[in-house]
Amino acid sequence: CGGDNDCWVGSGDINQDGDVDVLDLLDLVYHILGTDLLDGLDAQIADVNQDNILDILDLVDIVAMILGDDLMSRKAIDVDEVDLSFTSNSIDLDSEILVALNIVFEYSDGVDIDFQISSSSILGECLDLSNNRTNCIITTENVGQIISSNESFEIISIEAAAPGKYLDVNLIEIPLELSIGAAYPNPFNPKVKFDYA
């Protein structure tokens, strides 16, 4: 760019080394998590969609830049929602799409919780917000488990974005156990009913 700072604005090359890569993604993730805030020209460069907000929408747009045009042919981008299924200690991505997620978890106070982000994720980072809350940023394009933990958690909030747009999130709870009640009427003939949960 030389001396012209305007050519950097919105480019995604946050560290201005001439390459848009994982180092730029990490700079933005740490900004979103609040550990290393970007300002000035760095913030303008990171604001890929030029909406004056640095968030997961910019993050997924930078990932799309890195993956290139092949990404658009491999993943459907004409969707408005993402499907996630969850248990008390895991979340799975059910939609085949490049997505960035900003998730806040809550759990019992003082629990020694350990979050494991799937190794197939493009990028993932978690930051403890307090003794019972953690914020995780995850970018992935692979269907399947994206995060799990050794302890139970509650999902407080989830934001999702695909290249160029925010997505609605469909959360589907996966039951961990099945319960079948007693058959009735008893005796029965020729039909029987039972309750399940």
N, C-alpha and C. Protein backbone atom coordinates (compact mmCIF):
# COMPACT_ATOMS: atom_id res chain seq x y z
N CYS A 1 0.81 -1.21 0.00
CA CYS A 1 0.00 0.00 0.00
C CYS A 1 0.84 1.26 0.00
N GLY A 2 2.05 1.15 0.42
CA GLY A 2 2.87 2.35 0.50
C GLY A 2 2.38 3.26 1.59
N GLY A 3 2.31 4.56 1.32
CA GLY A 3 1.89 5.52 2.33
C GLY A 3 0.40 5.77 2.35
N ASP A 4 -0.34 5.15 1.47
CA ASP A 4 -1.78 5.39 1.37
C ASP A 4 -2.54 4.40 2.26
N ASN A 5 -2.98 4.88 3.44
CA ASN A 5 -3.68 4.01 4.38
C ASN A 5 -5.05 3.60 3.89
N ASP A 6 -5.64 4.37 2.98
CA ASP A 6 -6.98 4.05 2.50
C ASP A 6 -7.03 2.70 1.80
N CYS A 7 -5.92 2.29 1.19
CA CYS A 7 -5.93 1.01 0.47
C CYS A 7 -6.02 -0.19 1.42
N TRP A 8 -5.71 0.01 2.70
CA TRP A 8 -5.79 -1.07 3.68
C TRP A 8 -7.21 -1.24 4.21
N VAL A 9 -7.99 -0.17 4.23
CA VAL A 9 -9.30 -0.18 4.89
C VAL A 9 -10.18 -1.30 4.33
N GLY A 10 -10.68 -2.15 5.23
CA GLY A 10 -11.58 -3.23 4.85
C GLY A 10 -10.92 -4.40 4.15
N SER A 11 -9.59 -4.39 4.10
CA SER A 11 -8.89 -5.45 3.36
C SER A 11 -8.77 -6.75 4.14
N GLY A 12 -8.89 -6.69 5.47
CA GLY A 12 -8.74 -7.88 6.29
C GLY A 12 -7.31 -8.18 6.68
N ASP A 13 -6.35 -7.47 6.10
CA ASP A 13 -4.93 -7.67 6.42
C ASP A 13 -4.58 -6.82 7.63
N ILE A 14 -5.10 -7.23 8.78
CA ILE A 14 -5.04 -6.42 10.00
C ILE A 14 -3.61 -6.11 10.42
N ASN A 15 -2.71 -7.07 10.31
CA ASN A 15 -1.33 -6.80 10.72
C ASN A 15 -0.48 -6.18 9.60
N GLN A 16 -1.11 -5.90 8.47
CA GLN A 16 -0.50 -5.19 7.35
C GLN A 16 0.83 -5.80 6.90
N ASP A 17 0.84 -7.14 6.82
CA ASP A 17 2.05 -7.82 6.36
C ASP A 17 1.95 -8.26 4.90
N GLY A 18 0.86 -7.87 4.23
CA GLY A 18 0.69 -8.21 2.82
C GLY A 18 -0.08 -9.49 2.58
N ASP A 19 -0.40 -10.24 3.65
CA ASP A 19 -1.16 -11.48 3.53
C ASP A 19 -2.36 -11.46 4.47
N VAL A 20 -3.50 -11.93 3.99
CA VAL A 20 -4.65 -12.15 4.85
C VAL A 20 -4.59 -13.60 5.26
N ASP A 21 -4.35 -13.84 6.57
CA ASP A 21 -4.12 -15.20 7.04
C ASP A 21 -4.61 -15.37 8.47
N VAL A 22 -4.25 -16.50 9.06
CA VAL A 22 -4.73 -16.85 10.40
C VAL A 22 -4.29 -15.82 11.45
N LEU A 23 -3.17 -15.17 11.24
CA LEU A 23 -2.73 -14.14 12.20
C LEU A 23 -3.73 -12.98 12.25
N ASP A 24 -4.27 -12.62 11.10
CA ASP A 24 -5.28 -11.57 11.05
C ASP A 24 -6.56 -12.04 11.73
N LEU A 25 -6.92 -13.31 11.51
CA LEU A 25 -8.11 -13.87 12.16
C LEU A 25 -7.98 -13.83 13.67
N LEU A 26 -6.82 -14.21 14.17
CA LEU A 26 -6.61 -14.21 15.61
C LEU A 26 -6.69 -12.80 16.19
N ASP A 27 -6.14 -11.82 15.48
CA ASP A 27 -6.26 -10.43 15.94
C ASP A 27 -7.72 -10.05 16.12
N LEU A 28 -8.56 -10.43 15.17
CA LEU A 28 -9.98 -10.09 15.24
C LEU A 28 -10.69 -10.89 16.33
N VAL A 29 -10.36 -12.17 16.47
CA VAL A 29 -10.97 -12.99 17.53
C VAL A 29 -10.67 -12.39 18.89
N TYR A 30 -9.42 -12.03 19.14
CA TYR A 30 -9.05 -11.45 20.44
C TYR A 30 -9.75 -10.12 20.66
N HIS A 31 -9.98 -9.37 19.59
CA HIS A 31 -10.75 -8.14 19.73
C HIS A 31 -12.20 -8.44 20.15
N ILE A 32 -12.83 -9.40 19.46
CA ILE A 32 -14.22 -9.76 19.77
C ILE A 32 -14.34 -10.26 21.20
N LEU A 33 -13.36 -11.06 21.64
CA LEU A 33 -13.38 -11.57 23.02
C LEU A 33 -12.99 -10.50 24.04
N GLY A 34 -12.47 -9.38 23.58
CA GLY A 34 -12.15 -8.27 24.48
C GLY A 34 -10.79 -8.34 25.12
N THR A 35 -9.89 -9.19 24.62
CA THR A 35 -8.57 -9.31 25.26
C THR A 35 -7.51 -8.43 24.62
N ASP A 36 -7.68 -8.06 23.37
CA ASP A 36 -6.68 -7.24 22.67
C ASP A 36 -7.42 -6.38 21.65
N LEU A 37 -7.89 -5.22 22.07
CA LEU A 37 -8.76 -4.40 21.23
C LEU A 37 -8.02 -3.73 20.09
N LEU A 38 -8.63 -3.77 18.94
CA LEU A 38 -8.11 -3.09 17.76
C LEU A 38 -8.65 -1.67 17.74
N ASP A 39 -7.84 -0.72 17.29
CA ASP A 39 -8.33 0.66 17.15
C ASP A 39 -7.65 1.32 15.96
N GLY A 40 -8.10 2.50 15.64
CA GLY A 40 -7.49 3.25 14.55
C GLY A 40 -7.54 2.52 13.23
N LEU A 41 -6.41 2.55 12.52
CA LEU A 41 -6.32 1.92 11.20
C LEU A 41 -6.55 0.42 11.29
N ASP A 42 -6.04 -0.24 12.34
CA ASP A 42 -6.23 -1.68 12.49
C ASP A 42 -7.72 -2.03 12.51
N ALA A 43 -8.52 -1.25 13.22
CA ALA A 43 -9.96 -1.50 13.29
C ALA A 43 -10.61 -1.26 11.92
N GLN A 44 -10.17 -0.25 11.20
CA GLN A 44 -10.73 0.02 9.87
C GLN A 44 -10.40 -1.11 8.90
N ILE A 45 -9.21 -1.66 9.03
CA ILE A 45 -8.80 -2.77 8.16
C ILE A 45 -9.62 -4.01 8.48
N ALA A 46 -9.87 -4.27 9.77
CA ALA A 46 -10.61 -5.46 10.20
C ALA A 46 -12.09 -5.38 9.86
N ASP A 47 -12.62 -4.17 9.67
CA ASP A 47 -14.04 -3.98 9.39
C ASP A 47 -14.30 -4.23 7.90
N VAL A 48 -14.27 -5.50 7.52
CA VAL A 48 -14.35 -5.89 6.12
C VAL A 48 -15.65 -5.43 5.47
N ASN A 49 -16.76 -5.52 6.19
CA ASN A 49 -18.05 -5.14 5.60
C ASN A 49 -18.38 -3.66 5.80
N GLN A 50 -17.45 -2.91 6.40
CA GLN A 50 -17.57 -1.45 6.56
C GLN A 50 -18.86 -1.02 7.26
N ASP A 51 -19.27 -1.76 8.32
CA ASP A 51 -20.46 -1.38 9.08
C ASP A 51 -20.11 -0.73 10.42
N ASN A 52 -18.81 -0.46 10.65
CA ASN A 52 -18.30 0.17 11.86
C ASN A 52 -18.49 -0.69 13.11
N ILE A 53 -18.64 -2.00 12.92
CA ILE A 53 -18.73 -2.96 14.03
C ILE A 53 -17.78 -4.10 13.72
N LEU A 54 -16.92 -4.44 14.68
CA LEU A 54 -16.02 -5.57 14.50
C LEU A 54 -16.63 -6.77 15.22
N ASP A 55 -17.05 -7.78 14.46
CA ASP A 55 -17.71 -8.93 15.04
C ASP A 55 -17.52 -10.16 14.17
N ILE A 56 -18.30 -11.21 14.43
CA ILE A 56 -18.13 -12.47 13.71
C ILE A 56 -18.47 -12.36 12.23
N LEU A 57 -19.23 -11.36 11.84
CA LEU A 57 -19.51 -11.17 10.41
C LEU A 57 -18.22 -10.81 9.68
N ASP A 58 -17.41 -9.94 10.25
CA ASP A 58 -16.10 -9.61 9.67
C ASP A 58 -15.19 -10.84 9.71
N LEU A 59 -15.26 -11.59 10.80
CA LEU A 59 -14.43 -12.78 10.94
C LEU A 59 -14.70 -13.80 9.83
N VAL A 60 -15.97 -14.12 9.60
CA VAL A 60 -16.31 -15.13 8.58
C VAL A 60 -16.02 -14.59 7.18
N ASP A 61 -16.13 -13.29 7.00
CA ASP A 61 -15.77 -12.71 5.69
C ASP A 61 -14.27 -12.83 5.43
N ILE A 62 -13.45 -12.67 6.46
CA ILE A 62 -12.00 -12.83 6.28
C ILE A 62 -11.67 -14.30 6.01
N VAL A 63 -12.35 -15.22 6.70
CA VAL A 63 -12.15 -16.65 6.43
C VAL A 63 -12.48 -16.94 4.97
N ALA A 64 -13.58 -16.39 4.48
CA ALA A 64 -13.98 -16.60 3.09
C ALA A 64 -12.92 -16.05 2.14
N MET A 65 -12.29 -14.91 2.48
CA MET A 65 -11.21 -14.37 1.66
C MET A 65 -10.05 -15.36 1.59
N ILE A 66 -9.71 -15.94 2.74
CA ILE A 66 -8.58 -16.86 2.80
C ILE A 66 -8.88 -18.13 2.01
N LEU A 67 -10.08 -18.67 2.14
CA LEU A 67 -10.44 -19.91 1.46
C LEU A 67 -10.67 -19.70 -0.03
N GLY A 68 -11.01 -18.48 -0.43
CA GLY A 68 -11.12 -18.14 -1.83
C GLY A 68 -12.42 -18.55 -2.48
N ASP A 69 -12.46 -18.40 -3.80
CA ASP A 69 -13.67 -18.66 -4.59
C ASP A 69 -14.14 -20.10 -4.51
N ASP A 70 -13.23 -21.03 -4.29
CA ASP A 70 -13.60 -22.44 -4.21
C ASP A 70 -14.61 -22.67 -3.08
N LEU A 71 -14.52 -21.86 -2.03
CA LEU A 71 -15.45 -21.98 -0.91
C LEU A 71 -16.89 -21.83 -1.37
N MET A 72 -17.14 -20.87 -2.23
CA MET A 72 -18.51 -20.58 -2.64
C MET A 72 -19.11 -21.74 -3.42
N SER A 73 -18.29 -22.48 -4.14
CA SER A 73 -18.83 -23.62 -4.88
C SER A 73 -19.01 -24.84 -3.97
N ARG A 74 -18.24 -24.91 -2.86
CA ARG A 74 -18.33 -26.07 -1.98
C ARG A 74 -19.43 -25.94 -0.95
N LYS A 75 -19.75 -24.76 -0.52
CA LYS A 75 -20.71 -24.56 0.55
C LYS A 75 -21.85 -23.68 0.10
N ALA A 76 -23.07 -24.08 0.44
CA ALA A 76 -24.24 -23.28 0.10
C ALA A 76 -24.20 -21.98 0.88
N ILE A 77 -24.32 -20.86 0.20
CA ILE A 77 -24.28 -19.57 0.89
C ILE A 77 -25.62 -18.85 0.80
N ASP A 78 -26.60 -19.47 0.17
CA ASP A 78 -27.90 -18.82 0.02
C ASP A 78 -28.88 -19.27 1.11
N VAL A 79 -28.38 -19.38 2.32
CA VAL A 79 -29.21 -19.77 3.45
C VAL A 79 -29.34 -18.59 4.41
N ASP A 80 -30.39 -18.62 5.20
CA ASP A 80 -30.62 -17.55 6.17
C ASP A 80 -30.58 -18.06 7.61
N GLU A 81 -30.36 -19.37 7.77
CA GLU A 81 -30.36 -19.92 9.12
C GLU A 81 -29.36 -21.07 9.21
N VAL A 82 -28.98 -21.38 10.45
CA VAL A 82 -28.08 -22.49 10.71
C VAL A 82 -28.73 -23.36 11.77
N ASP A 83 -28.60 -24.68 11.60
CA ASP A 83 -29.16 -25.64 12.55
C ASP A 83 -28.06 -26.15 13.46
N LEU A 84 -28.29 -26.04 14.76
CA LEU A 84 -27.36 -26.55 15.77
C LEU A 84 -28.13 -27.47 16.70
N SER A 85 -27.58 -28.63 17.03
CA SER A 85 -28.18 -29.49 18.04
C SER A 85 -27.25 -29.49 19.25
N PHE A 86 -27.84 -29.69 20.43
CA PHE A 86 -27.03 -29.61 21.64
C PHE A 86 -27.51 -30.58 22.71
N THR A 87 -26.58 -30.93 23.57
CA THR A 87 -26.86 -31.67 24.79
C THR A 87 -26.42 -30.77 25.94
N SER A 88 -26.38 -31.30 27.13
CA SER A 88 -25.95 -30.49 28.27
C SER A 88 -24.45 -30.22 28.28
N ASN A 89 -23.70 -30.88 27.39
CA ASN A 89 -22.26 -30.62 27.35
C ASN A 89 -21.64 -30.69 25.95
N SER A 90 -22.46 -30.49 24.89
CA SER A 90 -21.89 -30.45 23.54
C SER A 90 -22.82 -29.72 22.59
N ILE A 91 -22.24 -29.23 21.49
CA ILE A 91 -23.00 -28.59 20.42
C ILE A 91 -22.51 -29.16 19.09
N ASP A 92 -23.46 -29.51 18.23
CA ASP A 92 -23.15 -30.03 16.89
C ASP A 92 -23.68 -29.07 15.84
N LEU A 93 -22.93 -28.90 14.76
CA LEU A 93 -23.39 -28.16 13.59
C LEU A 93 -24.09 -29.14 12.67
N ASP A 94 -25.35 -28.86 12.33
CA ASP A 94 -26.14 -29.75 11.49
C ASP A 94 -26.28 -29.23 10.06
N SER A 95 -25.81 -28.01 9.79
CA SER A 95 -25.91 -27.41 8.46
C SER A 95 -24.53 -27.39 7.80
N GLU A 96 -24.47 -27.75 6.54
CA GLU A 96 -23.19 -27.71 5.82
C GLU A 96 -23.00 -26.32 5.24
N ILE A 97 -22.33 -25.48 6.01
CA ILE A 97 -22.13 -24.09 5.63
C ILE A 97 -20.94 -23.54 6.40
N LEU A 98 -20.23 -22.61 5.80
CA LEU A 98 -19.19 -21.89 6.53
C LEU A 98 -19.89 -20.95 7.49
N VAL A 99 -19.59 -21.07 8.77
CA VAL A 99 -20.27 -20.27 9.78
C VAL A 99 -19.30 -19.87 10.87
N ALA A 100 -19.49 -18.66 11.39
CA ALA A 100 -18.79 -18.20 12.57
C ALA A 100 -19.82 -18.09 13.68
N LEU A 101 -19.46 -18.56 14.86
CA LEU A 101 -20.37 -18.56 16.00
C LEU A 101 -19.73 -17.83 17.17
N ASN A 102 -20.53 -17.04 17.85
CA ASN A 102 -20.13 -16.37 19.08
C ASN A 102 -21.09 -16.89 20.15
N ILE A 103 -20.58 -17.74 21.04
CA ILE A 103 -21.42 -18.45 22.01
C ILE A 103 -21.00 -18.08 23.43
N VAL A 104 -21.99 -17.76 24.27
CA VAL A 104 -21.73 -17.53 25.69
C VAL A 104 -22.37 -18.69 26.47
N PHE A 105 -21.55 -19.35 27.29
CA PHE A 105 -21.97 -20.48 28.11
C PHE A 105 -22.03 -20.07 29.57
N GLU A 106 -22.96 -20.69 30.31
CA GLU A 106 -23.02 -20.52 31.76
C GLU A 106 -23.03 -21.90 32.39
N TYR A 107 -22.40 -22.03 33.55
CA TYR A 107 -22.28 -23.31 34.23
C TYR A 107 -22.22 -23.04 35.73
N SER A 108 -22.24 -24.10 36.52
CA SER A 108 -22.24 -23.96 37.98
C SER A 108 -21.00 -23.21 38.44
N ASP A 109 -21.19 -22.33 39.39
CA ASP A 109 -20.12 -21.50 39.94
C ASP A 109 -19.02 -22.38 40.53
N GLY A 110 -17.79 -22.11 40.17
CA GLY A 110 -16.66 -22.82 40.74
C GLY A 110 -16.34 -24.15 40.10
N VAL A 111 -17.10 -24.56 39.09
CA VAL A 111 -16.84 -25.82 38.40
C VAL A 111 -15.57 -25.67 37.56
N ASP A 112 -14.73 -26.71 37.56
CA ASP A 112 -13.52 -26.70 36.74
C ASP A 112 -13.89 -27.24 35.36
N ILE A 113 -14.41 -26.35 34.52
CA ILE A 113 -14.91 -26.76 33.20
C ILE A 113 -13.81 -26.61 32.16
N ASP A 114 -13.80 -27.54 31.21
CA ASP A 114 -12.81 -27.52 30.14
C ASP A 114 -13.55 -27.67 28.82
N PHE A 115 -13.49 -26.65 27.98
CA PHE A 115 -14.14 -26.69 26.67
C PHE A 115 -13.16 -27.22 25.63
N GLN A 116 -13.62 -28.15 24.81
CA GLN A 116 -12.82 -28.72 23.74
C GLN A 116 -13.46 -28.35 22.40
N ILE A 117 -12.77 -27.55 21.61
CA ILE A 117 -13.25 -27.17 20.29
C ILE A 117 -12.74 -28.21 19.29
N SER A 118 -13.61 -28.63 18.39
CA SER A 118 -13.27 -29.67 17.42
C SER A 118 -12.00 -29.30 16.64
N SER A 119 -11.15 -30.28 16.45
CA SER A 119 -9.91 -30.05 15.69
C SER A 119 -10.20 -29.78 14.21
N SER A 120 -11.42 -30.10 13.75
CA SER A 120 -11.76 -29.83 12.35
C SER A 120 -12.26 -28.40 12.15
N SER A 121 -12.39 -27.64 13.24
CA SER A 121 -12.80 -26.24 13.11
C SER A 121 -11.67 -25.43 12.48
N ILE A 122 -12.05 -24.40 11.76
CA ILE A 122 -11.06 -23.52 11.14
C ILE A 122 -10.35 -22.72 12.22
N LEU A 123 -11.13 -22.25 13.19
CA LEU A 123 -10.59 -21.40 14.25
C LEU A 123 -11.50 -21.52 15.46
N GLY A 124 -10.93 -21.52 16.63
CA GLY A 124 -11.73 -21.54 17.85
C GLY A 124 -10.94 -21.03 19.03
N GLU A 125 -11.59 -20.23 19.84
CA GLU A 125 -10.94 -19.66 21.02
C GLU A 125 -12.01 -19.37 22.07
N CYS A 126 -11.69 -19.65 23.34
CA CYS A 126 -12.62 -19.39 24.44
C CYS A 126 -11.95 -18.49 25.47
N LEU A 127 -12.76 -17.69 26.14
CA LEU A 127 -12.28 -16.79 27.18
C LEU A 127 -13.26 -16.84 28.34
N ASP A 128 -12.76 -17.07 29.56
CA ASP A 128 -13.61 -17.03 30.74
C ASP A 128 -14.02 -15.59 31.01
N LEU A 129 -15.33 -15.39 31.18
CA LEU A 129 -15.85 -14.06 31.49
C LEU A 129 -15.99 -13.87 32.99
N SER A 130 -16.22 -14.96 33.71
CA SER A 130 -16.36 -14.94 35.17
C SER A 130 -16.16 -16.35 35.68
N ASN A 131 -16.50 -16.59 36.96
CA ASN A 131 -16.36 -17.93 37.53
C ASN A 131 -17.36 -18.93 36.95
N ASN A 132 -18.39 -18.43 36.26
CA ASN A 132 -19.41 -19.34 35.74
C ASN A 132 -19.86 -19.01 34.32
N ARG A 133 -19.08 -18.21 33.60
CA ARG A 133 -19.41 -17.89 32.20
C ARG A 133 -18.16 -17.90 31.33
N THR A 134 -18.34 -18.42 30.11
CA THR A 134 -17.26 -18.46 29.13
C THR A 134 -17.81 -18.04 27.77
N ASN A 135 -17.02 -17.27 27.04
CA ASN A 135 -17.37 -16.84 25.69
C ASN A 135 -16.45 -17.56 24.71
N CYS A 136 -17.04 -18.24 23.70
CA CYS A 136 -16.25 -18.95 22.70
C CYS A 136 -16.60 -18.43 21.30
N ILE A 137 -15.57 -18.25 20.49
CA ILE A 137 -15.70 -17.88 19.08
C ILE A 137 -15.21 -19.08 18.28
N ILE A 138 -16.06 -19.58 17.38
CA ILE A 138 -15.71 -20.75 16.58
C ILE A 138 -16.08 -20.48 15.13
N THR A 139 -15.17 -20.82 14.22
CA THR A 139 -15.46 -20.77 12.79
C THR A 139 -15.23 -22.16 12.24
N THR A 140 -16.24 -22.68 11.54
CA THR A 140 -16.15 -24.03 11.00
C THR A 140 -16.99 -24.14 9.74
N GLU A 141 -16.73 -25.20 8.99
CA GLU A 141 -17.55 -25.52 7.83
C GLU A 141 -17.92 -26.99 7.83
N ASN A 142 -17.61 -27.69 8.92
CA ASN A 142 -17.81 -29.14 8.99
C ASN A 142 -19.00 -29.50 9.86
N VAL A 143 -19.86 -30.34 9.31
CA VAL A 143 -21.00 -30.86 10.06
C VAL A 143 -20.46 -31.79 11.14
N GLY A 144 -21.08 -31.75 12.31
CA GLY A 144 -20.68 -32.61 13.43
C GLY A 144 -20.40 -31.77 14.66
N GLN A 145 -19.84 -32.43 15.66
CA GLN A 145 -19.59 -31.77 16.94
C GLN A 145 -18.57 -30.65 16.76
N ILE A 146 -18.93 -29.46 17.29
CA ILE A 146 -18.01 -28.33 17.18
C ILE A 146 -17.38 -27.97 18.52
N ILE A 147 -18.09 -28.29 19.63
CA ILE A 147 -17.54 -28.00 20.95
C ILE A 147 -18.17 -28.95 21.96
N SER A 148 -17.37 -29.33 22.96
CA SER A 148 -17.86 -30.17 24.05
C SER A 148 -17.15 -29.73 25.32
N SER A 149 -17.66 -30.22 26.44
CA SER A 149 -17.04 -29.90 27.72
C SER A 149 -17.13 -31.09 28.66
N ASN A 150 -16.33 -31.05 29.70
CA ASN A 150 -16.33 -32.12 30.70
C ASN A 150 -17.43 -31.92 31.74
N GLU A 151 -18.11 -30.79 31.72
CA GLU A 151 -19.19 -30.48 32.67
C GLU A 151 -20.40 -29.95 31.91
N SER A 152 -21.54 -29.97 32.57
CA SER A 152 -22.78 -29.45 31.97
C SER A 152 -22.74 -27.93 31.87
N PHE A 153 -23.35 -27.41 30.82
CA PHE A 153 -23.44 -25.97 30.63
C PHE A 153 -24.82 -25.61 30.11
N GLU A 154 -25.12 -24.33 30.18
CA GLU A 154 -26.32 -23.77 29.57
C GLU A 154 -25.87 -22.76 28.54
N ILE A 155 -26.54 -22.74 27.40
CA ILE A 155 -26.22 -21.76 26.35
C ILE A 155 -26.97 -20.47 26.68
N ILE A 156 -26.25 -19.41 26.92
CA ILE A 156 -26.86 -18.12 27.25
C ILE A 156 -27.20 -17.35 25.99
N SER A 157 -26.28 -17.35 25.02
CA SER A 157 -26.55 -16.66 23.76
C SER A 157 -25.69 -17.27 22.65
N ILE A 158 -26.22 -17.19 21.43
CA ILE A 158 -25.47 -17.61 20.24
C ILE A 158 -25.75 -16.61 19.13
N GLU A 159 -24.68 -16.11 18.53
CA GLU A 159 -24.77 -15.32 17.31
C GLU A 159 -24.09 -16.13 16.21
N ALA A 160 -24.66 -16.10 15.02
CA ALA A 160 -24.09 -16.84 13.90
C ALA A 160 -24.02 -15.95 12.67
N ALA A 161 -22.96 -16.16 11.87
CA ALA A 161 -22.81 -15.40 10.63
C ALA A 161 -22.18 -16.29 9.58
N ALA A 162 -22.64 -16.11 8.34
CA ALA A 162 -22.04 -16.72 7.16
C ALA A 162 -21.45 -15.57 6.34
N PRO A 163 -20.65 -15.86 5.33
CA PRO A 163 -20.09 -14.76 4.55
C PRO A 163 -21.17 -13.79 4.06
N GLY A 164 -21.05 -12.53 4.49
CA GLY A 164 -21.95 -11.48 4.02
C GLY A 164 -23.23 -11.30 4.79
N LYS A 165 -23.54 -12.17 5.77
CA LYS A 165 -24.82 -12.00 6.48
C LYS A 165 -24.86 -12.72 7.82
N TYR A 166 -25.70 -12.19 8.70
CA TYR A 166 -26.00 -12.87 9.96
C TYR A 166 -27.02 -13.96 9.67
N LEU A 167 -27.02 -14.98 10.51
CA LEU A 167 -27.94 -16.10 10.34
C LEU A 167 -28.83 -16.26 11.58
N ASP A 168 -30.07 -16.70 11.35
CA ASP A 168 -30.91 -17.13 12.45
C ASP A 168 -30.39 -18.48 12.92
N VAL A 169 -30.51 -18.75 14.21
CA VAL A 169 -30.02 -20.00 14.78
C VAL A 169 -31.20 -20.85 15.22
N ASN A 170 -31.26 -22.09 14.70
CA ASN A 170 -32.25 -23.07 15.15
C ASN A 170 -31.55 -24.03 16.10
N LEU A 171 -31.90 -23.94 17.39
CA LEU A 171 -31.30 -24.82 18.40
C LEU A 171 -32.23 -25.99 18.66
N ILE A 172 -31.69 -27.19 18.53
CA ILE A 172 -32.47 -28.40 18.73
C ILE A 172 -31.81 -29.20 19.85
N GLU A 173 -32.57 -29.42 20.93
CA GLU A 173 -32.01 -30.17 22.06
C GLU A 173 -32.07 -31.66 21.78
N ILE A 174 -30.95 -32.33 22.01
CA ILE A 174 -30.88 -33.79 21.85
C ILE A 174 -31.08 -34.40 23.23
N PRO A 175 -32.13 -35.20 23.41
CA PRO A 175 -32.34 -35.82 24.73
C PRO A 175 -31.23 -36.82 25.05
N LEU A 176 -30.86 -36.87 26.32
CA LEU A 176 -29.82 -37.80 26.75
C LEU A 176 -30.40 -39.12 27.24
N GLU A 177 -31.71 -39.13 27.55
CA GLU A 177 -32.32 -40.37 28.00
C GLU A 177 -33.75 -40.44 27.51
N LEU A 178 -34.28 -41.65 27.45
CA LEU A 178 -35.63 -41.91 26.99
C LEU A 178 -36.39 -42.56 28.12
N SER A 179 -37.63 -42.15 28.33
CA SER A 179 -38.47 -42.71 29.38
C SER A 179 -39.77 -43.21 28.78
N ILE A 180 -40.11 -44.45 29.07
CA ILE A 180 -41.36 -45.04 28.59
C ILE A 180 -42.20 -45.42 29.80
N GLY A 181 -43.44 -44.94 29.84
CA GLY A 181 -44.34 -45.21 30.95
C GLY A 181 -45.00 -46.58 30.84
N ALA A 182 -45.77 -46.92 31.86
CA ALA A 182 -46.47 -48.20 31.89
C ALA A 182 -47.56 -48.23 30.80
N ALA A 183 -47.80 -49.43 30.27
CA ALA A 183 -48.82 -49.62 29.25
C ALA A 183 -50.21 -49.50 29.88
N TYR A 184 -51.16 -48.91 29.16
CA TYR A 184 -52.54 -48.82 29.64
C TYR A 184 -53.48 -48.86 28.45
N PRO A 185 -54.74 -49.19 28.58
CA PRO A 185 -55.32 -49.74 29.81
C PRO A 185 -54.77 -51.14 30.08
N ASN A 186 -54.87 -51.56 31.29
CA ASN A 186 -54.37 -52.86 31.68
C ASN A 186 -55.49 -53.62 32.36
N PRO A 187 -55.99 -54.66 31.86
CA PRO A 187 -55.58 -55.36 30.65
C PRO A 187 -56.04 -54.61 29.41
N PHE A 188 -55.39 -54.88 28.28
CA PHE A 188 -55.74 -54.22 27.03
C PHE A 188 -56.14 -55.25 25.98
N ASN A 189 -57.01 -54.82 25.08
CA ASN A 189 -57.42 -55.68 23.98
C ASN A 189 -58.24 -54.85 23.01
N PRO A 190 -57.91 -54.65 21.81
CA PRO A 190 -56.71 -55.08 21.09
C PRO A 190 -55.66 -53.97 21.02
N LYS A 191 -55.87 -52.80 21.65
CA LYS A 191 -54.91 -51.69 21.55
C LYS A 191 -54.30 -51.38 22.91
N VAL A 192 -53.07 -50.89 22.87
CA VAL A 192 -52.39 -50.47 24.09
C VAL A 192 -51.78 -49.08 23.86
N LYS A 193 -51.71 -48.30 24.92
CA LYS A 193 -51.09 -46.97 24.86
C LYS A 193 -50.03 -46.89 25.94
N PHE A 194 -49.04 -46.05 25.69
CA PHE A 194 -48.04 -45.76 26.73
C PHE A 194 -47.50 -44.35 26.47
N ASP A 195 -47.03 -43.72 27.52
CA ASP A 195 -46.46 -42.39 27.44
C ASP A 195 -44.94 -42.49 27.33
N TYR A 196 -44.34 -41.58 26.60
CA TYR A 196 -42.88 -41.54 26.51
C TYR A 196 -42.40 -40.11 26.61
N ALA A 197 -41.16 -39.95 27.03
CA ALA A 197 -40.57 -38.62 27.15
C ALA A 197 -39.08 -38.71 26.87
